[in-house]
Amino acid sequence: MAKTEYFELGTLSKPHGLKGAFHLYLDVDDPYEYEDLDAIFLQQGNEMVPYFVEDIQIRDNLNLITLEGINSLDATKDLVGLKVFLPLSALPKLKDDQYYYHEVIGYQVIDSNLGTLGTVKEIYSTGAQDVLVMNYQNHEVLIPLIDTIIPKVDKKNQTVHSILPDGLLEVYTENDAD
C-alpha cells in the first residue's frame, strides 16, 4: 500500500523499561479507540513496515506498547521517534458533520463574503491550534481551524465554508500591490 493509504496515529516517543516496550504518543481525540490494535505500521525511510502488537496499554497520560520481536532496550534504539501509522480502513466511522483532516485535502474553500477562494492544500498543527493551508491566487494562506472561521465542511460537495476575518487574505497578498 502507498503511504497515502495510511493515517498517522502517533509516534514511538521513547523506550520504557529494559524489555523493549515504548512510550506511545497518540495524536488522536480518543486514544481508547485504539486499545485493541493487533498491528501497526512504522515509516522506515520510504517504506511502511508492519509490526505485530504484543501488548498495548492505553492510559490518559501514559500509553505503552510492546511490539513482537522487540524484546530489549537495545532493540528499541532504531525505532524510537518513528511515526506510527494505520491503514485508512482502521479509522473509526464519523458522524456526517465530522471529518478527518486528510479528507478535506483538495476541497474548495468558499467564503460567505468573498465566494470561492481556493483549494485546501493541507492541514497541520502549529502547536497552539490547527490551521488549514489554502492555495489562493498563487499564495499559501493559513486559516485557523476554529468553528467561528470554518463553521462547516460539506463532504458531499467537497467544500469548506469559511467566514474569514477582515484582512486575513491581505496579510498573504499585500506584496502583490507593489
Protein backbone atom coordinates (compact mmCIF):
# COMPACT_ATOMS: atom_id res chain seq x y z
CA MET A 1 0.00 0.00 0.00
CA ALA A 2 1.10 3.54 -0.72
CA LYS A 3 1.66 5.98 2.15
CA THR A 4 -1.50 7.82 1.10
CA GLU A 5 -3.48 4.75 2.17
CA TYR A 6 -2.41 5.23 5.81
CA PHE A 7 -3.08 7.78 8.51
CA GLU A 8 -0.64 8.91 11.16
CA LEU A 9 -1.64 7.59 14.57
CA GLY A 10 1.27 8.90 16.64
CA THR A 11 4.93 8.32 17.49
CA LEU A 12 7.07 5.83 19.39
CA SER A 13 8.37 8.54 21.68
CA LYS A 14 10.90 6.74 23.89
CA PRO A 15 11.75 3.34 25.37
CA HIS A 16 10.04 2.14 28.53
CA GLY A 17 11.95 -0.22 30.76
CA LEU A 18 14.53 -2.74 29.62
CA LYS A 19 12.36 -5.29 27.79
CA GLY A 20 11.62 -3.43 24.56
CA ALA A 21 8.45 -1.51 25.37
CA PHE A 22 7.82 2.03 24.14
CA HIS A 23 6.00 5.12 25.27
CA LEU A 24 3.44 5.68 22.54
CA TYR A 25 2.31 9.23 21.82
CA LEU A 26 -1.14 9.08 20.20
CA ASP A 27 -2.22 12.13 18.20
CA VAL A 28 -5.93 11.31 18.33
CA ASP A 29 -9.05 12.61 20.05
CA ASP A 30 -9.90 9.34 21.81
CA PRO A 31 -6.88 7.06 22.47
CA TYR A 32 -9.15 4.35 23.90
CA GLU A 33 -10.47 3.65 20.39
CA TYR A 34 -7.07 2.08 19.67
CA GLU A 35 -6.63 -0.17 22.72
CA ASP A 36 -7.25 -3.38 20.72
CA LEU A 37 -4.63 -2.92 18.00
CA ASP A 38 -3.23 -6.11 16.50
CA ALA A 39 -0.65 -4.44 14.28
CA ILE A 40 0.83 -1.06 13.44
CA PHE A 41 2.97 0.26 10.60
CA LEU A 42 6.17 2.22 11.17
CA GLN A 43 7.56 4.50 8.49
CA GLN A 44 11.16 3.46 7.92
CA GLY A 45 12.57 5.54 5.09
CA ASN A 46 10.03 5.34 2.28
CA GLU A 47 8.64 2.03 3.46
CA MET A 48 5.69 1.26 5.72
CA VAL A 49 6.85 -1.71 7.80
CA PRO A 50 4.26 -3.79 9.69
CA TYR A 51 4.80 -4.78 13.33
CA PHE A 52 2.51 -7.02 15.37
CA VAL A 53 1.41 -5.59 18.71
CA GLU A 54 2.24 -7.88 21.60
CA ASP A 55 0.73 -5.61 24.25
CA ILE A 56 -0.77 -2.14 24.37
CA GLN A 57 -1.86 -0.19 27.42
CA ILE A 58 -3.82 2.99 26.90
CA ARG A 59 -3.81 5.35 29.86
CA ASP A 60 -4.70 9.01 30.00
CA ASN A 61 -1.15 10.34 30.17
CA LEU A 62 0.97 7.26 29.52
CA ASN A 63 0.43 4.84 26.65
CA LEU A 64 2.71 1.83 26.41
CA ILE A 65 3.20 -0.55 23.51
CA THR A 66 5.25 -3.72 23.09
CA LEU A 67 5.95 -5.00 19.59
CA GLU A 68 6.56 -8.60 18.64
CA GLY A 69 10.27 -9.32 18.16
CA ILE A 70 11.40 -6.19 20.03
CA ASN A 71 12.41 -7.55 23.41
CA SER A 72 15.33 -5.48 24.69
CA LEU A 73 16.27 -1.88 25.25
CA ASP A 74 18.94 -2.24 22.56
CA ALA A 75 16.33 -3.42 20.04
CA THR A 76 14.28 -0.24 20.55
CA LYS A 77 17.02 2.23 19.55
CA ASP A 78 16.33 2.15 15.79
CA LEU A 79 12.58 2.56 16.25
CA VAL A 80 12.40 5.39 18.79
CA GLY A 81 10.99 8.52 17.20
CA LEU A 82 9.37 6.71 14.28
CA LYS A 83 5.87 7.68 13.27
CA VAL A 84 3.14 5.08 13.79
CA PHE A 85 0.55 4.55 11.06
CA LEU A 86 -2.60 2.52 10.47
CA PRO A 87 -4.47 1.83 7.23
CA LEU A 88 -7.24 4.32 6.46
CA SER A 89 -9.70 1.43 6.75
CA ALA A 90 -8.95 1.32 10.51
CA LEU A 91 -10.27 4.84 11.10
CA PRO A 92 -13.39 4.92 13.26
CA LYS A 93 -16.53 6.00 11.38
CA LEU A 94 -17.58 9.60 11.95
CA LYS A 95 -20.92 11.36 12.06
CA ASP A 96 -21.95 13.30 8.95
CA ASP A 97 -20.88 16.64 10.43
CA GLN A 98 -17.42 15.35 11.40
CA TYR A 99 -14.37 14.85 9.20
CA TYR A 100 -10.78 13.72 9.26
CA TYR A 101 -8.18 16.26 8.20
CA HIS A 102 -6.87 14.12 5.35
CA GLU A 103 -10.38 14.00 3.84
CA VAL A 104 -10.55 17.74 3.08
CA ILE A 105 -7.32 17.96 1.08
CA GLY A 106 -8.35 19.21 -2.36
CA TYR A 107 -11.71 20.64 -1.20
CA GLN A 108 -12.74 24.11 -2.40
CA VAL A 109 -12.80 26.88 0.21
CA ILE A 110 -15.90 29.06 -0.13
CA ASP A 111 -16.12 32.21 1.96
CA SER A 112 -19.52 33.62 2.96
CA ASN A 113 -18.49 37.13 1.78
CA LEU A 114 -15.83 36.55 -0.89
CA GLY A 115 -17.08 33.40 -2.66
CA THR A 116 -14.76 30.68 -3.93
CA LEU A 117 -11.21 31.32 -2.74
CA GLY A 118 -9.01 28.33 -3.44
CA THR A 119 -8.14 24.74 -2.64
CA VAL A 120 -7.16 23.09 0.62
CA LYS A 121 -3.51 22.04 0.35
CA GLU A 122 -3.04 20.53 3.83
CA ILE A 123 -3.94 20.86 7.50
CA TYR A 124 -1.39 20.90 10.27
CA SER A 125 -0.95 21.85 13.89
CA THR A 126 1.07 24.90 14.86
CA GLY A 127 1.10 23.80 18.47
CA ALA A 128 -1.35 26.46 19.58
CA GLN A 129 -4.05 25.47 17.08
CA ASP A 130 -4.65 23.63 13.85
CA VAL A 131 -4.57 25.56 10.58
CA LEU A 132 -5.90 24.90 7.12
CA VAL A 133 -3.42 25.70 4.35
CA MET A 134 -5.10 27.03 1.20
CA ASN A 135 -3.75 27.96 -2.21
CA TYR A 136 -5.15 31.41 -3.03
CA GLN A 137 -4.02 33.32 -6.13
CA ASN A 138 -0.59 31.66 -6.07
CA HIS A 139 -0.19 32.34 -2.33
CA GLU A 140 -0.22 29.98 0.59
CA VAL A 141 -2.80 31.22 3.12
CA LEU A 142 -3.11 29.84 6.66
CA ILE A 143 -6.62 29.80 8.07
CA PRO A 144 -7.19 28.99 11.76
CA LEU A 145 -9.29 25.86 12.00
CA ILE A 146 -11.86 27.08 14.53
CA ASP A 147 -15.65 26.91 14.33
CA THR A 148 -16.16 30.67 14.03
CA ILE A 149 -13.90 30.83 10.94
CA ILE A 150 -14.63 27.38 9.47
CA PRO A 151 -18.25 26.72 10.50
CA LYS A 152 -18.96 23.89 8.05
CA VAL A 153 -17.29 21.22 5.95
CA ASP A 154 -19.53 19.70 3.28
CA LYS A 155 -18.12 16.27 2.43
CA LYS A 156 -20.80 15.56 -0.19
CA ASN A 157 -19.91 18.67 -2.23
CA GLN A 158 -16.24 18.68 -1.17
CA THR A 159 -16.33 22.24 0.12
CA VAL A 160 -15.05 24.04 3.20
CA HIS A 161 -17.19 27.00 4.20
CA SER A 162 -15.43 29.94 5.82
CA ILE A 163 -16.12 33.32 7.36
CA LEU A 164 -12.67 34.90 7.11
CA PRO A 165 -11.74 37.77 9.42
CA ASP A 166 -11.25 41.11 7.67
CA GLY A 167 -7.69 41.50 6.40
CA LEU A 168 -6.65 37.83 6.61
CA LEU A 169 -6.14 37.40 2.86
CA GLU A 170 -4.38 40.76 2.60
CA VAL A 171 -1.73 39.58 5.07
CA TYR A 172 -0.67 37.00 2.48
CA THR A 173 -1.20 39.08 -0.67
CA GLU A 174 -0.18 42.62 0.31
CA ASN A 175 3.15 42.44 -1.58
CA ASP A 176 1.19 42.00 -4.83
CA ALA A 177 0.03 45.63 -4.65
CA ASP A 178 3.58 46.91 -5.20
